[in-house]
Protein backbone atom coordinates (compact mmCIF):
# COMPACT_ATOMS: atom_id res chain seq x y z
CA MET A 1 -0.02 0.02 -0.05
CA ILE A 2 2.82 2.44 0.96
CA LYS A 3 4.65 1.75 -2.50
CA SER A 4 1.46 2.09 -4.35
CA ARG A 5 0.87 5.49 -2.82
CA LEU A 6 4.46 6.62 -3.51
CA TYR A 7 3.96 5.55 -7.26
CA GLN A 8 0.80 7.34 -7.47
CA THR A 9 2.23 10.61 -6.06
CA LEU A 10 5.21 10.31 -8.39
CA PHE A 11 3.64 9.38 -11.75
CA GLU A 12 -0.13 10.31 -11.49
CA LEU A 13 -0.94 13.14 -9.07
CA ASN A 14 0.31 16.63 -8.38
CA ALA A 15 2.90 17.29 -5.60
CA THR A 16 4.46 20.54 -4.22
CA PRO A 17 7.51 21.62 -6.13
CA VAL A 18 9.93 20.51 -3.39
CA ILE A 19 8.39 17.02 -3.00
CA ALA A 20 8.10 16.66 -6.64
CA LYS A 21 11.97 17.48 -7.21
CA ARG A 22 12.85 15.02 -4.47
CA LEU A 23 10.70 12.40 -5.86
CA ARG A 24 12.40 12.90 -9.40
CA ALA A 25 15.93 12.82 -7.89
CA PHE A 26 14.96 9.44 -6.10
CA ALA A 27 13.48 8.02 -9.34
CA GLU A 28 16.53 8.81 -11.34
CA SER A 29 18.81 7.40 -8.62
CA SER A 30 20.25 3.95 -8.45
CA ALA A 31 18.40 3.38 -4.97
CA SER A 32 15.11 3.34 -6.86
CA ARG A 33 16.19 0.23 -9.03
CA ALA A 34 14.99 -1.97 -6.30
CA PHE A 35 11.50 -0.58 -6.64
CA ILE A 36 11.09 -1.56 -10.36
CA PRO A 37 9.79 -4.96 -9.84
CA SER A 38 7.05 -3.80 -7.34
CA PHE A 39 6.24 -0.90 -9.75
CA ALA A 40 5.79 -3.23 -12.44
CA LYS A 41 3.55 -5.58 -10.45
CA THR A 42 1.52 -2.65 -9.06
CA TYR A 43 0.54 -1.34 -12.53
CA GLN A 44 0.54 -4.73 -14.10
CA ILE A 45 3.14 -3.86 -16.84
CA ASN A 46 4.00 -6.41 -19.39
CA VAL A 47 7.68 -6.71 -18.82
CA ASP A 48 8.09 -9.13 -21.66
CA GLU A 49 7.45 -6.09 -24.04
CA ALA A 50 10.38 -3.99 -22.73
CA ALA A 51 13.55 -3.80 -24.97
CA GLU A 52 15.65 -4.90 -21.95
CA PRO A 53 15.42 -7.34 -19.19
CA ILE A 54 13.94 -5.75 -16.04
CA GLU A 55 17.14 -6.15 -14.11
CA ALA A 56 19.07 -4.21 -16.83
CA TYR A 57 17.46 -1.03 -15.97
CA PRO A 58 19.54 1.33 -13.75
CA SER A 59 16.68 3.29 -12.13
CA LEU A 60 12.91 3.46 -11.85
CA HIS A 61 12.93 6.41 -14.35
CA ALA A 62 14.92 4.48 -16.77
CA PHE A 63 12.39 1.61 -16.69
CA PHE A 64 9.30 4.20 -16.90
CA THR A 65 10.96 5.70 -20.08
CA ARG A 66 11.69 2.16 -21.68
CA HIS A 67 11.76 1.37 -25.17
CA LEU A 68 9.87 -1.69 -26.41
CA LYS A 69 11.05 -4.69 -28.48
CA ASP A 70 10.88 -4.25 -32.08
CA GLY A 71 7.69 -5.52 -33.47
CA VAL A 72 5.34 -5.48 -30.44
CA ARG A 73 3.59 -2.24 -31.58
CA PRO A 74 3.22 -2.71 -35.30
CA ILE A 75 2.15 0.50 -37.11
CA ASP A 76 -0.85 0.01 -39.36
CA ALA A 77 0.34 0.07 -43.02
CA ASN A 78 -2.92 1.35 -44.67
CA PRO A 79 -1.79 4.63 -46.20
CA ASN A 80 -5.12 6.40 -45.32
CA SER A 81 -5.11 5.29 -41.63
CA VAL A 82 -4.59 7.64 -38.69
CA VAL A 83 -2.79 5.76 -35.87
CA SER A 84 -2.69 6.26 -32.21
CA PRO A 85 0.41 7.99 -31.18
CA CYS A 86 0.99 6.40 -28.03
CA ASP A 87 -0.27 3.69 -25.58
CA GLY A 88 -3.03 5.22 -23.34
CA LYS A 89 -6.65 6.03 -23.05
CA LEU A 90 -8.42 7.81 -25.75
CA SER A 91 -10.72 9.83 -23.55
CA ILE A 92 -12.02 12.64 -25.76
CA VAL A 93 -12.88 12.93 -29.39
CA ALA A 94 -14.54 16.39 -29.68
CA ASP A 95 -15.54 18.85 -32.37
CA ILE A 96 -13.95 22.20 -32.53
CA THR A 97 -16.52 24.91 -32.61
CA ASP A 98 -16.42 27.77 -35.31
CA ASP A 99 -14.91 29.96 -32.43
CA SER A 100 -12.19 27.31 -31.97
CA ARG A 101 -13.47 26.08 -28.58
CA PHE A 102 -13.77 22.48 -27.25
CA GLU A 103 -14.82 20.85 -24.15
CA VAL A 104 -13.16 18.31 -21.97
CA LYS A 105 -14.74 16.94 -18.88
CA GLY A 106 -17.19 19.81 -18.59
CA GLN A 107 -14.47 22.46 -19.03
CA SER A 108 -14.37 24.69 -22.01
CA TYR A 109 -11.00 25.25 -23.69
CA THR A 110 -9.96 27.82 -26.53
CA LEU A 111 -7.39 26.67 -28.98
CA ALA A 112 -5.81 30.23 -28.81
CA GLU A 113 -4.93 29.43 -25.18
CA LEU A 114 -3.82 25.97 -25.83
CA LEU A 115 -1.76 26.94 -28.83
CA GLY A 116 -0.81 30.51 -27.74
CA SER A 117 -1.93 31.96 -31.01
CA GLN A 118 -5.24 33.19 -31.97
CA GLN A 119 -4.35 33.23 -35.66
CA GLU A 120 -3.32 29.56 -35.65
CA ALA A 121 -6.39 28.66 -33.67
CA ARG A 122 -8.69 29.91 -36.39
CA ARG A 123 -7.03 27.26 -38.72
CA TYR A 124 -8.86 24.48 -36.61
CA ALA A 125 -12.39 25.84 -36.58
CA GLY A 126 -14.86 23.00 -37.16
CA GLY A 127 -12.22 20.53 -36.95
CA THR A 128 -11.40 17.65 -34.45
CA VAL A 129 -9.49 17.51 -31.12
CA CYS A 130 -8.40 14.22 -29.50
CA VAL A 131 -7.01 13.85 -25.89
CA LEU A 132 -4.94 10.67 -24.88
CA TYR A 133 -3.92 10.15 -21.30
CA LEU A 134 -1.12 8.04 -20.42
CA SER A 135 -1.24 6.12 -17.10
CA PRO A 136 1.91 5.01 -15.26
CA ARG A 137 1.50 1.47 -16.67
CA ASP A 138 1.83 2.76 -20.28
CA TYR A 139 4.77 2.91 -22.54
CA HIS A 140 5.74 6.61 -22.28
CA ARG A 141 7.36 7.25 -25.56
CA VAL A 142 5.26 9.37 -27.99
CA HIS A 143 5.08 8.90 -31.72
CA VAL A 144 3.12 10.52 -34.69
CA PRO A 145 -0.34 9.44 -36.02
CA LEU A 146 0.63 10.62 -39.56
CA ALA A 147 3.74 11.13 -41.62
CA GLY A 148 4.55 14.78 -41.80
CA ARG A 149 7.24 17.55 -41.72
CA VAL A 150 7.72 19.76 -38.70
CA LEU A 151 6.50 23.42 -39.48
CA SER A 152 7.09 24.71 -35.90
CA HIS A 153 7.96 23.45 -32.51
CA TYR A 154 7.77 25.58 -29.23
CA GLU A 155 7.00 25.46 -25.54
CA LEU A 156 4.26 27.10 -23.38
CA GLY A 157 2.98 27.10 -19.92
CA ASP A 158 4.33 26.97 -16.51
CA ARG A 159 1.86 25.11 -14.32
CA SER A 160 1.78 21.57 -13.39
CA ALA A 161 -1.73 20.41 -12.54
CA PRO A 162 -2.52 16.70 -12.75
CA VAL A 163 -4.12 15.61 -16.06
CA ASN A 164 -5.94 12.41 -14.88
CA ASP A 165 -9.59 12.43 -14.40
CA ILE A 166 -9.44 14.30 -11.18
CA GLY A 167 -7.26 17.01 -12.51
CA LEU A 168 -9.27 17.58 -15.71
CA THR A 169 -12.58 17.95 -13.55
CA GLU A 170 -11.15 19.86 -10.48
CA THR A 171 -8.42 21.91 -11.91
CA VAL A 172 -9.04 25.11 -14.07
CA ARG A 173 -8.08 23.99 -17.65
CA PRO A 174 -4.88 22.22 -17.05
CA LEU A 175 -4.59 21.01 -20.65
CA SER A 176 -4.05 24.66 -21.78
CA ARG A 177 -2.08 25.98 -18.62
CA ASN A 178 0.17 23.26 -17.99
CA TYR A 179 3.82 23.15 -19.43
CA ARG A 180 3.66 21.60 -23.01
CA ARG A 181 5.36 21.18 -26.24
CA VAL A 182 3.42 22.13 -29.27
CA THR A 183 4.52 20.84 -32.62
CA ARG A 184 2.81 21.78 -36.01
CA PHE A 185 3.17 19.05 -38.59
CA GLU A 186 2.43 19.47 -42.39
CA THR A 187 0.91 16.19 -43.75
CA ALA A 188 -0.69 14.94 -46.99
CA VAL A 189 -4.08 15.95 -45.50
CA GLY A 190 -3.11 19.45 -44.22
CA VAL A 191 -1.62 20.61 -40.99
CA TYR A 192 -2.32 19.25 -37.51
CA GLU A 193 -0.93 19.99 -33.86
CA HIS A 194 0.83 17.49 -32.01
CA ILE A 195 0.85 18.59 -28.31
CA MET A 196 2.60 16.80 -25.35
CA VAL A 197 1.28 18.20 -21.92
CA GLY A 198 3.20 17.69 -18.81
CA ALA A 199 1.50 16.91 -15.42
CA LEU A 200 3.77 17.32 -12.41
CA ASN A 201 5.62 20.28 -10.81
CA VAL A 202 8.70 18.79 -12.23
CA ASN A 203 7.80 18.71 -15.93
CA THR A 204 10.20 16.77 -18.14
CA ILE A 205 9.26 16.21 -21.94
CA GLU A 206 12.19 15.20 -24.06
CA TRP A 207 12.06 15.62 -27.83
CA THR A 208 13.75 12.81 -29.61
CA LEU A 209 13.02 13.51 -33.33
CA GLU A 210 16.08 14.34 -35.45
CA GLY A 211 15.48 16.52 -38.44
CA GLU A 212 12.14 17.77 -39.44
CA HIS A 213 10.54 14.64 -41.15
CA ALA A 214 8.65 11.85 -39.30
CA GLY A 215 7.10 8.73 -40.90
CA LYS A 216 3.85 7.53 -39.47
CA GLY A 217 4.45 5.94 -36.19
CA ASP A 218 7.88 7.40 -35.72
CA GLU A 219 8.89 8.34 -32.18
CA VAL A 220 9.21 12.00 -31.53
CA GLY A 221 9.60 12.28 -27.80
CA TYR A 222 8.89 10.97 -24.41
CA PHE A 223 7.47 11.78 -20.95
CA SER A 224 9.49 11.42 -17.88
CA PHE A 225 6.37 11.61 -15.66
CA GLY A 226 2.49 12.08 -15.79
CA SER A 227 1.35 12.99 -19.31
CA THR A 228 -0.99 13.65 -21.93
CA VAL A 229 -1.14 13.92 -25.78
CA ILE A 230 -3.60 16.24 -27.64
CA LEU A 231 -4.06 16.17 -31.54
CA CYS A 232 -5.89 18.86 -33.25
CA PHE A 233 -6.88 18.36 -36.87
CA GLU A 234 -8.39 20.73 -39.39
CA LYS A 235 -11.74 20.58 -40.62
CA SER A 236 -12.68 17.73 -43.07
CA ARG A 237 -9.19 16.38 -43.10
CA VAL A 238 -9.46 13.25 -40.86
CA THR A 239 -12.27 11.20 -39.32
CA ILE A 240 -11.69 9.71 -35.74
CA ASP A 241 -13.63 6.88 -34.93
CA PRO A 242 -15.61 7.43 -31.58
CA ALA A 243 -15.77 3.78 -31.07
CA LYS A 244 -12.14 3.97 -30.29
CA ILE A 245 -12.66 5.96 -27.13
CA GLY A 246 -11.08 3.76 -24.46
CA PRO A 247 -7.72 1.99 -24.19
CA VAL A 248 -5.57 2.23 -27.33
CA ARG A 249 -2.04 1.12 -28.16
CA LEU A 250 0.48 2.76 -30.32
CA GLY A 251 0.08 2.19 -33.93
CA GLU A 252 -3.49 0.87 -33.94
CA VAL A 253 -5.97 2.61 -36.14
CA ILE A 254 -8.02 5.40 -34.56
CA GLY A 255 -9.17 7.06 -37.61
CA THR A 256 -8.87 7.75 -41.50
CA MET A 257 -7.68 10.41 -43.73
CA GLN A 258 -10.29 12.26 -45.76
CA ASN A 259 -8.73 12.49 -49.21
CA GLY A 260 -10.46 15.09 -51.35
């Protein structure tokens, strides 16, 4: 029970800045290595999918940000498919209003606030937004749903509210106020926003894409701690299947491209 609460505080919920920094330091230390087996057991992580044997990871943080074995997350090969960019829970597929707003858990968001630009927000009026929440049990590296070229990449926000179900309902608009990395991609069906949102007072989002081009399913970054991915698509460019709301895995189809 004590270990479970420690993991929940570290990887799911908010903590004070001082505590969060200490927890991060512990998670990155060799002393945390002994906790890896109980962490994996607590969250029922399939350790057989990890690229390395569980005893090979030097710290809890190294295990949390693990790579997977080749082939365990096949990327759908259909050229018209849109795939999940991560393991997690697809919790929201919402329409963006004509004034560039959308709703998550009863809270209204503006794309201008989320993207930091009123001009860019207008681009997505009438489009679609997807929200994917990654729990501690999930693989925490993030990929892309479509092949594309990076048009811009920047950071926003300085808050660190939790982005689990509690945070989304009890905290004032954490998705558009938390620290986040916003990347705009140009694809065969227009432009879309790929947003990685941090969730703890110690926010660590690492960008790993080298260069400006990414193939469908390519890794672009990873989260060190609690996390959410938001995708914003232009009007009539993709169709996201609402039946996919719920657990999804990297590479599986969540929608289709609308060509023409």
